[in-house]
Structures are given as C-alpha cells and as structure tokens.
Amino acid sequence: MREMGNWHEYRIRRLANDQESAIDLLELTLEEYLADGDLPFFLKELRVFIESQGGVVEICKRTGIDTETLLNMLSNEDATQLLDTFSSLLKMLKSRLVIEGTHAKHLSPVKQIPTS
C-alpha cells in the first residue's frame, strides 16, 4: 500500500510540477495580502512557493540573494513595514503589481519532485 503524504507535501509536489500553478499561487497570495494585509498568510504561502521551487537554498543560488537575508524576510515581522510601504505606494499611484510567468524558454528549469 502506498503511503500518503500530508497536504503541505502534496501542494509542494503539485506546484513543483506545474510552473503555471506556482506562478498563479504567488500572484493570488500577493493580491490577497494587498487586499487584507494578512502578513502571516502571505509569508506562509510564500514559503510554500519557495519550497516548490527547490527551497530557500536553491532559490538563493538562482537569484543571488543571501540565504540569511531571505530566511529573515520569511520569518521576521520587519517584512510588514516593507510590504505595507510598498502597498501604500501602489495605492497612491493607483497601480497594482501583477505577477506573471515569462516565456517558457527564459525560465530556469525547476527540479521535478517525484509524485510517487
């Protein structure tokens, strides 16, 4: 009998194997944060996205971001000030941030996580 994983693991595997859904999650998460300011939800879903893309270390290698900096951002309430400031700036400009995937040939390959 096949062992069942938990919901969190399932979501990460699914997003790792479906780049479009991963981008959609990131876009929806940002839209929700800008609408209601729920930072804990935003950071939790951002962590899911990052895990689906290979994890913090892999993301840092691919982006050149310092690992400690990203880890602090994902766990620190200081992120609130940055996100709130950015949200206020967008509102003042009567603008919104949109996240969308770029053409597939420009994307770095994502390590595929086995589904079994």
PDB file of N, CA and C in Angstrom:
ATOM      1  N   MET A   1       0.844  -1.183   0.000  1.00  0.00           N
ATOM      2  CA  MET A   1       0.000   0.000   0.000  1.00  0.00           C
ATOM      3  C   MET A   1       0.891   1.249   0.000  1.00  0.00           C
ATOM      4  N   ARG A   2       0.536   2.204  -0.795  1.00  0.00           N
ATOM      5  CA  ARG A   2       1.303   3.442  -0.913  1.00  0.00           C
ATOM      6  C   ARG A   2       1.051   4.336   0.289  1.00  0.00           C
ATOM      7  N   GLU A   3       2.129   4.887   0.836  1.00  0.00           N
ATOM      8  CA  GLU A   3       1.993   5.794   1.981  1.00  0.00           C
ATOM      9  C   GLU A   3       1.528   7.159   1.494  1.00  0.00           C
ATOM     10  N   MET A   4       0.558   7.706   2.165  1.00  0.00           N
ATOM     11  CA  MET A   4       0.024   9.018   1.804  1.00  0.00           C
ATOM     12  C   MET A   4       0.833  10.115   2.500  1.00  0.00           C
ATOM     13  N   GLY A   5       1.150  11.170   1.779  1.00  0.00           N
ATOM     14  CA  GLY A   5       1.818  12.318   2.375  1.00  0.00           C
ATOM     15  C   GLY A   5       0.780  13.279   2.930  1.00  0.00           C
ATOM     16  N   ASN A   6       1.242  14.333   3.544  1.00  0.00           N
ATOM     17  CA  ASN A   6       0.295  15.320   4.071  1.00  0.00           C
ATOM     18  C   ASN A   6      -0.016  16.377   3.005  1.00  0.00           C
ATOM     19  N   TRP A   7      -0.976  17.213   3.313  1.00  0.00           N
ATOM     20  CA  TRP A   7      -1.457  18.232   2.375  1.00  0.00           C
ATOM     21  C   TRP A   7      -0.335  19.177   1.951  1.00  0.00           C
ATOM     22  N   HIS A   8       0.477  19.603   2.895  1.00  0.00           N
ATOM     23  CA  HIS A   8       1.582  20.513   2.620  1.00  0.00           C
ATOM     24  C   HIS A   8       2.527  19.900   1.575  1.00  0.00           C
ATOM     25  N   GLU A   9       2.901  18.648   1.782  1.00  0.00           N
ATOM     26  CA  GLU A   9       3.799  17.974   0.844  1.00  0.00           C
ATOM     27  C   GLU A   9       3.155  17.824  -0.531  1.00  0.00           C
ATOM     28  N   TYR A  10       1.865  17.505  -0.541  1.00  0.00           N
ATOM     29  CA  TYR A  10       1.147  17.370  -1.807  1.00  0.00           C
ATOM     30  C   TYR A  10       1.168  18.692  -2.580  1.00  0.00           C
ATOM     31  N   ARG A  11       0.876  19.783  -1.891  1.00  0.00           N
ATOM     32  CA  ARG A  11       0.868  21.090  -2.557  1.00  0.00           C
ATOM     33  C   ARG A  11       2.236  21.418  -3.145  1.00  0.00           C
ATOM     34  N   ILE A  12       3.289  21.151  -2.401  1.00  0.00           N
ATOM     35  CA  ILE A  12       4.644  21.446  -2.878  1.00  0.00           C
ATOM     36  C   ILE A  12       4.959  20.612  -4.121  1.00  0.00           C
ATOM     37  N   ARG A  13       4.636  19.316  -4.084  1.00  0.00           N
ATOM     38  CA  ARG A  13       4.881  18.448  -5.259  1.00  0.00           C
ATOM     39  C   ARG A  13       4.089  18.943  -6.465  1.00  0.00           C
ATOM     40  N   ARG A  14       2.828  19.272  -6.230  1.00  0.00           N
ATOM     41  CA  ARG A  14       1.971  19.728  -7.331  1.00  0.00           C
ATOM     42  C   ARG A  14       2.520  21.007  -7.954  1.00  0.00           C
ATOM     43  N   LEU A  15       2.900  21.969  -7.132  1.00  0.00           N
ATOM     44  CA  LEU A  15       3.416  23.238  -7.643  1.00  0.00           C
ATOM     45  C   LEU A  15       4.780  23.063  -8.302  1.00  0.00           C
ATOM     46  N   ALA A  16       5.587  22.144  -7.793  1.00  0.00           N
ATOM     47  CA  ALA A  16       6.902  21.890  -8.395  1.00  0.00           C
ATOM     48  C   ALA A  16       6.754  21.345  -9.807  1.00  0.00           C
ATOM     49  N   ASN A  17       5.678  20.624 -10.041  1.00  0.00           N
ATOM     50  CA  ASN A  17       5.457  20.007 -11.339  1.00  0.00           C
ATOM     51  C   ASN A  17       4.568  20.826 -12.261  1.00  0.00           C
ATOM     52  N   ASP A  18       4.110  21.982 -11.797  1.00  0.00           N
ATOM     53  CA  ASP A  18       3.206  22.825 -12.596  1.00  0.00           C
ATOM     54  C   ASP A  18       3.585  24.285 -12.380  1.00  0.00           C
ATOM     55  N   GLN A  19       4.508  24.772 -13.191  1.00  0.00           N
ATOM     56  CA  GLN A  19       5.029  26.138 -13.038  1.00  0.00           C
ATOM     57  C   GLN A  19       3.928  27.190 -13.127  1.00  0.00           C
ATOM     58  N   GLU A  20       2.963  26.972 -13.998  1.00  0.00           N
ATOM     59  CA  GLU A  20       1.872  27.939 -14.143  1.00  0.00           C
ATOM     60  C   GLU A  20       1.064  28.052 -12.846  1.00  0.00           C
ATOM     61  N   SER A  21       0.782  26.929 -12.217  1.00  0.00           N
ATOM     62  CA  SER A  21       0.054  26.958 -10.941  1.00  0.00           C
ATOM     63  C   SER A  21       0.888  27.621  -9.856  1.00  0.00           C
ATOM     64  N   ALA A  22       2.194  27.408  -9.875  1.00  0.00           N
ATOM     65  CA  ALA A  22       3.068  28.038  -8.886  1.00  0.00           C
ATOM     66  C   ALA A  22       3.032  29.558  -9.025  1.00  0.00           C
ATOM     67  N   ILE A  23       3.082  30.043 -10.254  1.00  0.00           N
ATOM     68  CA  ILE A  23       3.007  31.490 -10.503  1.00  0.00           C
ATOM     69  C   ILE A  23       1.628  32.010 -10.094  1.00  0.00           C
ATOM     70  N   ASP A  24       0.585  31.248 -10.411  1.00  0.00           N
ATOM     71  CA  ASP A  24      -0.771  31.646 -10.017  1.00  0.00           C
ATOM     72  C   ASP A  24      -0.887  31.767  -8.494  1.00  0.00           C
ATOM     73  N   LEU A  25      -0.290  30.816  -7.768  1.00  0.00           N
ATOM     74  CA  LEU A  25      -0.309  30.880  -6.299  1.00  0.00           C
ATOM     75  C   LEU A  25       0.372  32.147  -5.814  1.00  0.00           C
ATOM     76  N   LEU A  26       1.525  32.451  -6.378  1.00  0.00           N
ATOM     77  CA  LEU A  26       2.259  33.644  -5.967  1.00  0.00           C
ATOM     78  C   LEU A  26       1.451  34.905  -6.247  1.00  0.00           C
ATOM     79  N   GLU A  27       0.817  34.962  -7.403  1.00  0.00           N
ATOM     80  CA  GLU A  27       0.003  36.124  -7.757  1.00  0.00           C
ATOM     81  C   GLU A  27      -1.199  36.258  -6.820  1.00  0.00           C
ATOM     82  N   LEU A  28      -1.908  35.174  -6.576  1.00  0.00           N
ATOM     83  CA  LEU A  28      -3.070  35.198  -5.688  1.00  0.00           C
ATOM     84  C   LEU A  28      -2.672  35.580  -4.265  1.00  0.00           C
ATOM     85  N   THR A  29      -1.558  35.039  -3.801  1.00  0.00           N
ATOM     86  CA  THR A  29      -1.077  35.345  -2.453  1.00  0.00           C
ATOM     87  C   THR A  29      -0.782  36.828  -2.307  1.00  0.00           C
ATOM     88  N   LEU A  30      -0.140  37.410  -3.300  1.00  0.00           N
ATOM     89  CA  LEU A  30       0.155  38.844  -3.263  1.00  0.00           C
ATOM     90  C   LEU A  30      -1.129  39.665  -3.313  1.00  0.00           C
ATOM     91  N   GLU A  31      -2.054  39.288  -4.181  1.00  0.00           N
ATOM     92  CA  GLU A  31      -3.325  40.014  -4.266  1.00  0.00           C
ATOM     93  C   GLU A  31      -4.074  39.976  -2.933  1.00  0.00           C
ATOM     94  N   GLU A  32      -4.091  38.819  -2.300  1.00  0.00           N
ATOM     95  CA  GLU A  32      -4.766  38.681  -1.002  1.00  0.00           C
ATOM     96  C   GLU A  32      -4.093  39.569   0.047  1.00  0.00           C
ATOM     97  N   TYR A  33      -2.762  39.572   0.053  1.00  0.00           N
ATOM     98  CA  TYR A  33      -2.062  40.418   1.023  1.00  0.00           C
ATOM     99  C   TYR A  33      -2.380  41.894   0.783  1.00  0.00           C
ATOM    100  N   LEU A  34      -2.344  42.325  -0.462  1.00  0.00           N
ATOM    101  CA  LEU A  34      -2.623  43.728  -0.755  1.00  0.00           C
ATOM    102  C   LEU A  34      -4.064  44.095  -0.413  1.00  0.00           C
ATOM    103  N   ALA A  35      -4.983  43.118  -0.466  1.00  0.00           N
ATOM    104  CA  ALA A  35      -6.383  43.384  -0.133  1.00  0.00           C
ATOM    105  C   ALA A  35      -6.636  43.407   1.367  1.00  0.00           C
ATOM    106  N   ASP A  36      -6.026  42.466   2.105  1.00  0.00           N
ATOM    107  CA  ASP A  36      -6.371  42.366   3.531  1.00  0.00           C
ATOM    108  C   ASP A  36      -5.208  42.534   4.503  1.00  0.00           C
ATOM    109  N   GLY A  37      -3.981  42.612   4.008  1.00  0.00           N
ATOM    110  CA  GLY A  37      -2.835  42.855   4.881  1.00  0.00           C
ATOM    111  C   GLY A  37      -2.494  41.714   5.822  1.00  0.00           C
ATOM    112  N   ASP A  38      -2.927  40.494   5.520  1.00  0.00           N
ATOM    113  CA  ASP A  38      -2.673  39.342   6.384  1.00  0.00           C
ATOM    114  C   ASP A  38      -1.260  38.817   6.132  1.00  0.00           C
ATOM    115  N   LEU A  39      -0.284  39.382   6.851  1.00  0.00           N
ATOM    116  CA  LEU A  39       1.120  39.026   6.649  1.00  0.00           C
ATOM    117  C   LEU A  39       1.415  37.566   6.964  1.00  0.00           C
ATOM    118  N   PRO A  40       0.926  37.004   8.078  1.00  0.00           N
ATOM    119  CA  PRO A  40       1.236  35.590   8.336  1.00  0.00           C
ATOM    120  C   PRO A  40       0.803  34.669   7.188  1.00  0.00           C
ATOM    121  N   PHE A  41      -0.395  34.905   6.626  1.00  0.00           N
ATOM    122  CA  PHE A  41      -0.848  34.100   5.487  1.00  0.00           C
ATOM    123  C   PHE A  41       0.081  34.298   4.292  1.00  0.00           C
ATOM    124  N   PHE A  42       0.409  35.546   4.006  1.00  0.00           N
ATOM    125  CA  PHE A  42       1.285  35.846   2.874  1.00  0.00           C
ATOM    126  C   PHE A  42       2.620  35.122   3.004  1.00  0.00           C
ATOM    127  N   LEU A  43       3.252  35.226   4.178  1.00  0.00           N
ATOM    128  CA  LEU A  43       4.555  34.598   4.373  1.00  0.00           C
ATOM    129  C   LEU A  43       4.460  33.073   4.318  1.00  0.00           C
ATOM    130  N   LYS A  44       3.374  32.513   4.847  1.00  0.00           N
ATOM    131  CA  LYS A  44       3.181  31.058   4.810  1.00  0.00           C
ATOM    132  C   LYS A  44       3.085  30.578   3.366  1.00  0.00           C
ATOM    133  N   GLU A  45       2.294  31.249   2.564  1.00  0.00           N
ATOM    134  CA  GLU A  45       2.137  30.848   1.167  1.00  0.00           C
ATOM    135  C   GLU A  45       3.399  31.130   0.353  1.00  0.00           C
ATOM    136  N   LEU A  46       4.114  32.179   0.690  1.00  0.00           N
ATOM    137  CA  LEU A  46       5.388  32.457   0.019  1.00  0.00           C
ATOM    138  C   LEU A  46       6.383  31.338   0.309  1.00  0.00           C
ATOM    139  N   ARG A  47       6.370  30.825   1.538  1.00  0.00           N
ATOM    140  CA  ARG A  47       7.237  29.690   1.888  1.00  0.00           C
ATOM    141  C   ARG A  47       6.862  28.446   1.067  1.00  0.00           C
ATOM    142  N   VAL A  48       5.563  28.207   0.884  1.00  0.00           N
ATOM    143  CA  VAL A  48       5.121  27.071   0.063  1.00  0.00           C
ATOM    144  C   VAL A  48       5.652  27.229  -1.359  1.00  0.00           C
ATOM    145  N   PHE A  49       5.516  28.424  -1.911  1.00  0.00           N
ATOM    146  CA  PHE A  49       6.020  28.679  -3.258  1.00  0.00           C
ATOM    147  C   PHE A  49       7.522  28.413  -3.331  1.00  0.00           C
ATOM    148  N   ILE A  50       8.266  28.940  -2.375  1.00  0.00           N
ATOM    149  CA  ILE A  50       9.724  28.776  -2.373  1.00  0.00           C
ATOM    150  C   ILE A  50      10.102  27.303  -2.254  1.00  0.00           C
ATOM    151  N   GLU A  51       9.431  26.574  -1.388  1.00  0.00           N
ATOM    152  CA  GLU A  51       9.700  25.138  -1.260  1.00  0.00           C
ATOM    153  C   GLU A  51       9.425  24.410  -2.576  1.00  0.00           C
ATOM    154  N   SER A  52       8.368  24.812  -3.270  1.00  0.00           N
ATOM    155  CA  SER A  52       8.028  24.149  -4.533  1.00  0.00           C
ATOM    156  C   SER A  52       9.048  24.438  -5.628  1.00  0.00           C
ATOM    157  N   GLN A  53       9.822  25.476  -5.458  1.00  0.00           N
ATOM    158  CA  GLN A  53      10.825  25.845  -6.449  1.00  0.00           C
ATOM    159  C   GLN A  53      12.222  25.372  -6.065  1.00  0.00           C
ATOM    160  N   GLY A  54      12.295  24.464  -5.108  1.00  0.00           N
ATOM    161  CA  GLY A  54      13.578  23.883  -4.728  1.00  0.00           C
ATOM    162  C   GLY A  54      14.039  24.255  -3.337  1.00  0.00           C
ATOM    163  N   GLY A  55      13.341  25.161  -2.675  1.00  0.00           N
ATOM    164  CA  GLY A  55      13.700  25.548  -1.313  1.00  0.00           C
ATOM    165  C   GLY A  55      14.530  26.814  -1.265  1.00  0.00           C
ATOM    166  N   VAL A  56      14.760  27.281  -0.054  1.00  0.00           N
ATOM    167  CA  VAL A  56      15.462  28.551   0.168  1.00  0.00           C
ATOM    168  C   VAL A  56      16.860  28.537  -0.440  1.00  0.00           C
ATOM    169  N   VAL A  57      17.611  27.485  -0.188  1.00  0.00           N
ATOM    170  CA  VAL A  57      18.991  27.447  -0.688  1.00  0.00           C
ATOM    171  C   VAL A  57      19.018  27.490  -2.216  1.00  0.00           C
ATOM    172  N   GLU A  58      18.151  26.706  -2.860  1.00  0.00           N
ATOM    173  CA  GLU A  58      18.096  26.694  -4.324  1.00  0.00           C
ATOM    174  C   GLU A  58      17.670  28.053  -4.874  1.00  0.00           C
ATOM    175  N   ILE A  59      16.655  28.655  -4.272  1.00  0.00           N
ATOM    176  CA  ILE A  59      16.201  29.977  -4.722  1.00  0.00           C
ATOM    177  C   ILE A  59      17.325  30.995  -4.569  1.00  0.00           C
ATOM    178  N   CYS A  60      18.037  30.946  -3.468  1.00  0.00           N
ATOM    179  CA  CYS A  60      19.139  31.890  -3.245  1.00  0.00           C
ATOM    180  C   CYS A  60      20.254  31.702  -4.272  1.00  0.00           C
ATOM    181  N   LYS A  61      20.556  30.454  -4.605  1.00  0.00           N
ATOM    182  CA  LYS A  61      21.568  30.201  -5.638  1.00  0.00           C
ATOM    183  C   LYS A  61      21.132  30.783  -6.973  1.00  0.00           C
ATOM    184  N   ARG A  62      19.859  30.576  -7.318  1.00  0.00           N
ATOM    185  CA  ARG A  62      19.355  31.012  -8.622  1.00  0.00           C
ATOM    186  C   ARG A  62      19.177  32.523  -8.710  1.00  0.00           C
ATOM    187  N   THR A  63      18.946  33.197  -7.576  1.00  0.00           N
ATOM    188  CA  THR A  63      18.681  34.637  -7.609  1.00  0.00           C
ATOM    189  C   THR A  63      19.852  35.487  -7.136  1.00  0.00           C
ATOM    190  N   GLY A  64      20.808  34.879  -6.438  1.00  0.00           N
ATOM    191  CA  GLY A  64      21.918  35.642  -5.887  1.00  0.00           C
ATOM    192  C   GLY A  64      21.579  36.329  -4.569  1.00  0.00           C
ATOM    193  N   ILE A  65      20.412  36.028  -4.012  1.00  0.00           N
ATOM    194  CA  ILE A  65      20.017  36.591  -2.714  1.00  0.00           C
ATOM    195  C   ILE A  65      20.747  35.821  -1.617  1.00  0.00           C
ATOM    196  N   ASP A  66      21.228  36.533  -0.618  1.00  0.00           N
ATOM    197  CA  ASP A  66      21.880  35.904   0.520  1.00  0.00           C
ATOM    198  C   ASP A  66      20.867  35.043   1.270  1.00  0.00           C
ATOM    199  N   THR A  67      21.240  33.815   1.609  1.00  0.00           N
ATOM    200  CA  THR A  67      20.337  32.879   2.281  1.00  0.00           C
ATOM    201  C   THR A  67      19.804  33.449   3.588  1.00  0.00           C
ATOM    202  N   GLU A  68      20.670  34.036   4.379  1.00  0.00           N
ATOM    203  CA  GLU A  68      20.244  34.599   5.667  1.00  0.00           C
ATOM    204  C   GLU A  68      19.237  35.735   5.472  1.00  0.00           C
ATOM    205  N   THR A  69      19.448  36.533   4.450  1.00  0.00           N
ATOM    206  CA  THR A  69      18.521  37.631   4.159  1.00  0.00           C
ATOM    207  C   THR A  69      17.133  37.099   3.829  1.00  0.00           C
ATOM    208  N   LEU A  70      17.064  36.082   2.978  1.00  0.00           N
ATOM    209  CA  LEU A  70      15.765  35.521   2.613  1.00  0.00           C
ATOM    210  C   LEU A  70      15.101  34.847   3.811  1.00  0.00           C
ATOM    211  N   LEU A  71      15.860  34.093   4.578  1.00  0.00           N
ATOM    212  CA  LEU A  71      15.292  33.444   5.763  1.00  0.00           C
ATOM    213  C   LEU A  71      14.750  34.476   6.745  1.00  0.00           C
ATOM    214  N   ASN A  72      15.480  35.570   6.952  1.00  0.00           N
ATOM    215  CA  ASN A  72      14.995  36.633   7.845  1.00  0.00           C
ATOM    216  C   ASN A  72      13.717  37.257   7.309  1.00  0.00           C
ATOM    217  N   MET A  73      13.663  37.469   6.010  1.00  0.00           N
ATOM    218  CA  MET A  73      12.466  38.068   5.423  1.00  0.00           C
ATOM    219  C   MET A  73      11.248  37.175   5.611  1.00  0.00           C
ATOM    220  N   LEU A  74      11.448  35.870   5.497  1.00  0.00           N
ATOM    221  CA  LEU A  74      10.338  34.927   5.604  1.00  0.00           C
ATOM    222  C   LEU A  74       9.868  34.698   7.040  1.00  0.00           C
ATOM    223  N   SER A  75      10.667  35.104   8.010  1.00  0.00           N
ATOM    224  CA  SER A  75      10.293  34.825   9.398  1.00  0.00           C
ATOM    225  C   SER A  75      10.233  36.069  10.272  1.00  0.00           C
ATOM    226  N   ASN A  76      10.432  37.224   9.711  1.00  0.00           N
ATOM    227  CA  ASN A  76      10.586  38.428  10.502  1.00  0.00           C
ATOM    228  C   ASN A  76       9.421  39.390  10.268  1.00  0.00           C
ATOM    229  N   GLU A  77       8.953  39.965  11.329  1.00  0.00           N
ATOM    230  CA  GLU A  77       7.878  40.954  11.219  1.00  0.00           C
ATOM    231  C   GLU A  77       8.339  42.241  10.539  1.00  0.00           C
ATOM    232  N   ASP A  78       9.646  42.411  10.338  1.00  0.00           N
ATOM    233  CA  ASP A  78      10.129  43.586   9.609  1.00  0.00           C
ATOM    234  C   ASP A  78       9.604  43.593   8.183  1.00  0.00           C
ATOM    235  N   ALA A  79       9.228  42.413   7.680  1.00  0.00           N
ATOM    236  CA  ALA A  79       8.656  42.331   6.344  1.00  0.00           C
ATOM    237  C   ALA A  79       7.381  43.154   6.266  1.00  0.00           C
ATOM    238  N   THR A  80       6.686  43.292   7.384  1.00  0.00           N
ATOM    239  CA  THR A  80       5.443  44.061   7.415  1.00  0.00           C
ATOM    240  C   THR A  80       5.676  45.485   6.936  1.00  0.00           C
ATOM    241  N   GLN A  81       6.701  46.126   7.460  1.00  0.00           N
ATOM    242  CA  GLN A  81       6.969  47.526   7.100  1.00  0.00           C
ATOM    243  C   GLN A  81       7.252  47.661   5.610  1.00  0.00           C
ATOM    244  N   LEU A  82       8.072  46.783   5.081  1.00  0.00           N
ATOM    245  CA  LEU A  82       8.400  46.843   3.660  1.00  0.00           C
ATOM    246  C   LEU A  82       7.156  46.627   2.812  1.00  0.00           C
ATOM    247  N   LEU A  83       6.385  45.588   3.114  1.00  0.00           N
ATOM    248  CA  LEU A  83       5.193  45.288   2.322  1.00  0.00           C
ATOM    249  C   LEU A  83       4.128  46.364   2.469  1.00  0.00           C
ATOM    250  N   ASP A  84       3.943  46.883   3.682  1.00  0.00           N
ATOM    251  CA  ASP A  84       2.962  47.952   3.882  1.00  0.00           C
ATOM    252  C   ASP A  84       3.358  49.220   3.124  1.00  0.00           C
ATOM    253  N   THR A  85       4.641  49.541   3.140  1.00  0.00           N
ATOM    254  CA  THR A  85       5.132  50.717   2.419  1.00  0.00           C
ATOM    255  C   THR A  85       4.909  50.540   0.922  1.00  0.00           C
ATOM    256  N   PHE A  86       5.239  49.359   0.428  1.00  0.00           N
ATOM    257  CA  PHE A  86       5.058  49.078  -0.995  1.00  0.00           C
ATOM    258  C   PHE A  86       3.580  49.129  -1.373  1.00  0.00           C
ATOM    259  N   SER A  87       2.733  48.566  -0.531  1.00  0.00           N
ATOM    260  CA  SER A  87       1.290  48.593  -0.768  1.00  0.00           C
ATOM    261  C   SER A  87       0.771  50.026  -0.804  1.00  0.00           C
ATOM    262  N   SER A  88       1.221  50.858   0.131  1.00  0.00           N
ATOM    263  CA  SER A  88       0.804  52.264   0.164  1.00  0.00           C
ATOM    264  C   SER A  88       1.259  53.002  -1.093  1.00  0.00           C
ATOM    265  N   LEU A  89       2.464  52.714  -1.530  1.00  0.00           N
ATOM    266  CA  LEU A  89       2.993  53.338  -2.737  1.00  0.00           C
ATOM    267  C   LEU A  89       2.141  52.956  -3.948  1.00  0.00           C
ATOM    268  N   LEU A  90       1.790  51.682  -4.060  1.00  0.00           N
ATOM    269  CA  LEU A  90       0.948  51.252  -5.174  1.00  0.00           C
ATOM    270  C   LEU A  90      -0.420  51.919  -5.139  1.00  0.00           C
ATOM    271  N   LYS A  91      -1.011  52.018  -3.950  1.00  0.00           N
ATOM    272  CA  LYS A  91      -2.322  52.658  -3.828  1.00  0.00           C
ATOM    273  C   LYS A  91      -2.251  54.123  -4.221  1.00  0.00           C
ATOM    274  N   MET A  92      -1.197  54.811  -3.773  1.00  0.00           N
ATOM    275  CA  MET A  92      -1.036  56.217  -4.110  1.00  0.00           C
ATOM    276  C   MET A  92      -0.913  56.407  -5.618  1.00  0.00           C
ATOM    277  N   LEU A  93      -0.236  55.481  -6.265  1.00  0.00           N
ATOM    278  CA  LEU A  93      -0.044  55.552  -7.713  1.00  0.00           C
ATOM    279  C   LEU A  93      -1.229  54.994  -8.492  1.00  0.00           C
ATOM    280  N   LYS A  94      -2.246  54.536  -7.742  1.00  0.00           N
ATOM    281  CA  LYS A  94      -3.410  53.891  -8.357  1.00  0.00           C
ATOM    282  C   LYS A  94      -2.948  52.796  -9.311  1.00  0.00           C
ATOM    283  N   SER A  95      -2.034  51.974  -8.790  1.00  0.00           N
ATOM    284  CA  SER A  95      -1.425  50.900  -9.564  1.00  0.00           C
ATOM    285  C   SER A  95      -1.514  49.597  -8.786  1.00  0.00           C
ATOM    286  N   ARG A  96      -1.200  48.524  -9.456  1.00  0.00           N
ATOM    287  CA  ARG A  96      -1.125  47.241  -8.791  1.00  0.00           C
ATOM    288  C   ARG A  96       0.029  46.453  -9.370  1.00  0.00           C
ATOM    289  N   LEU A  97       0.529  45.550  -8.595  1.00  0.00           N
ATOM    290  CA  LEU A  97       1.611  44.685  -9.022  1.00  0.00           C
ATOM    291  C   LEU A  97       1.009  43.402  -9.569  1.00  0.00           C
ATOM    292  N   VAL A  98       1.483  42.982 -10.714  1.00  0.00           N
ATOM    293  CA  VAL A  98       0.997  41.752 -11.330  1.00  0.00           C
ATOM    294  C   VAL A  98       2.177  40.807 -11.476  1.00  0.00           C
ATOM    295  N   ILE A  99       1.956  39.568 -11.116  1.00  0.00           N
ATOM    296  CA  ILE A  99       2.983  38.544 -11.274  1.00  0.00           C
ATOM    297  C   ILE A  99       2.518  37.626 -12.391  1.00  0.00           C
ATOM    298  N   GLU A 100       3.371  37.448 -13.365  1.00  0.00           N
ATOM    299  CA  GLU A 100       3.041  36.527 -14.436  1.00  0.00           C
ATOM    300  C   GLU A 100       4.306  35.837 -14.886  1.00  0.00           C
ATOM    301  N   GLY A 101       4.146  34.636 -15.378  1.00  0.00           N
ATOM    302  CA  GLY A 101       5.293  33.887 -15.873  1.00  0.00           C
ATOM    303  C   GLY A 101       5.821  34.512 -17.150  1.00  0.00           C
ATOM    304  N   THR A 102       7.108  34.366 -17.367  1.00  0.00           N
ATOM    305  CA  THR A 102       7.702  34.812 -18.620  1.00  0.00           C
ATOM    306  C   THR A 102       7.690  33.643 -19.583  1.00  0.00           C
ATOM    307  N   HIS A 103       8.048  33.889 -20.794  1.00  0.00           N
ATOM    308  CA  HIS A 103       8.041  32.836 -21.807  1.00  0.00           C
ATOM    309  C   HIS A 103       8.859  31.646 -21.309  1.00  0.00           C
ATOM    310  N   ALA A 104       8.386  30.459 -21.539  1.00  0.00           N
ATOM    311  CA  ALA A 104       8.973  29.228 -21.013  1.00  0.00           C
ATOM    312  C   ALA A 104      10.457  29.089 -21.334  1.00  0.00           C
ATOM    313  N   LYS A 105      10.914  29.544 -22.475  1.00  0.00           N
ATOM    314  CA  LYS A 105      12.327  29.361 -22.823  1.00  0.00           C
ATOM    315  C   LYS A 105      13.245  30.227 -21.955  1.00  0.00           C
ATOM    316  N   HIS A 106      12.700  31.224 -21.272  1.00  0.00           N
ATOM    317  CA  HIS A 106      13.501  32.087 -20.426  1.00  0.00           C
ATOM    318  C   HIS A 106      13.555  31.611 -18.984  1.00  0.00           C
ATOM    319  N   LEU A 107      12.732  30.641 -18.613  1.00  0.00           N
ATOM    320  CA  LEU A 107      12.686  30.151 -17.240  1.00  0.00           C
ATOM    321  C   LEU A 107      13.802  29.151 -16.998  1.00  0.00           C
ATOM    322  N   SER A 108      14.393  29.222 -15.809  1.00  0.00           N
ATOM    323  CA  SER A 108      15.341  28.197 -15.404  1.00  0.00           C
ATOM    324  C   SER A 108      14.573  26.929 -15.096  1.00  0.00           C
ATOM    325  N   PRO A 109      15.122  25.784 -15.428  1.00  0.00           N
ATOM    326  CA  PRO A 109      14.386  24.556 -15.120  1.00  0.00           C
ATOM    327  C   PRO A 109      14.258  24.371 -13.616  1.00  0.00           C
ATOM    328  N   VAL A 110      13.105  23.863 -13.217  1.00  0.00           N
ATOM    329  CA  VAL A 110      12.825  23.582 -11.817  1.00  0.00           C
ATOM    330  C   VAL A 110      13.029  22.097 -11.617  1.00  0.00           C
ATOM    331  N   LYS A 111      13.687  21.721 -10.515  1.00  0.00           N
ATOM    332  CA  LYS A 111      13.839  20.312 -10.220  1.00  0.00           C
ATOM    333  C   LYS A 111      12.470  19.705 -10.019  1.00  0.00           C
ATOM    334  N   GLN A 112      12.203  18.639 -10.720  1.00  0.00           N
ATOM    335  CA  GLN A 112      10.920  17.958 -10.599  1.00  0.00           C
ATOM    336  C   GLN A 112      10.955  17.059  -9.372  1.00  0.00           C
ATOM    337  N   ILE A 113       9.935  17.131  -8.560  1.00  0.00           N
ATOM    338  CA  ILE A 113       9.829  16.299  -7.371  1.00  0.00           C
ATOM    339  C   ILE A 113       8.953  15.111  -7.727  1.00  0.00           C
ATOM    340  N   PRO A 114       9.447  13.893  -7.463  1.00  0.00           N
ATOM    341  CA  PRO A 114       8.643  12.709  -7.801  1.00  0.00           C
ATOM    342  C   PRO A 114       7.287  12.751  -7.123  1.00  0.00           C
ATOM    343  N   THR A 115       6.266  12.269  -7.824  1.00  0.00           N
ATOM    344  CA  THR A 115       4.914  12.265  -7.272  1.00  0.00           C
ATOM    345  C   THR A 115       4.564  10.946  -6.615  1.00  0.00           C
ATOM    346  N   SER A 116       5.423   9.974  -6.667  1.00  0.00           N
ATOM    347  CA  SER A 116       5.099   8.685  -6.026  1.00  0.00           C
ATOM    348  C   SER A 116       5.864   8.491  -4.743  1.00  0.00           C
TER     349      SER A 116
END
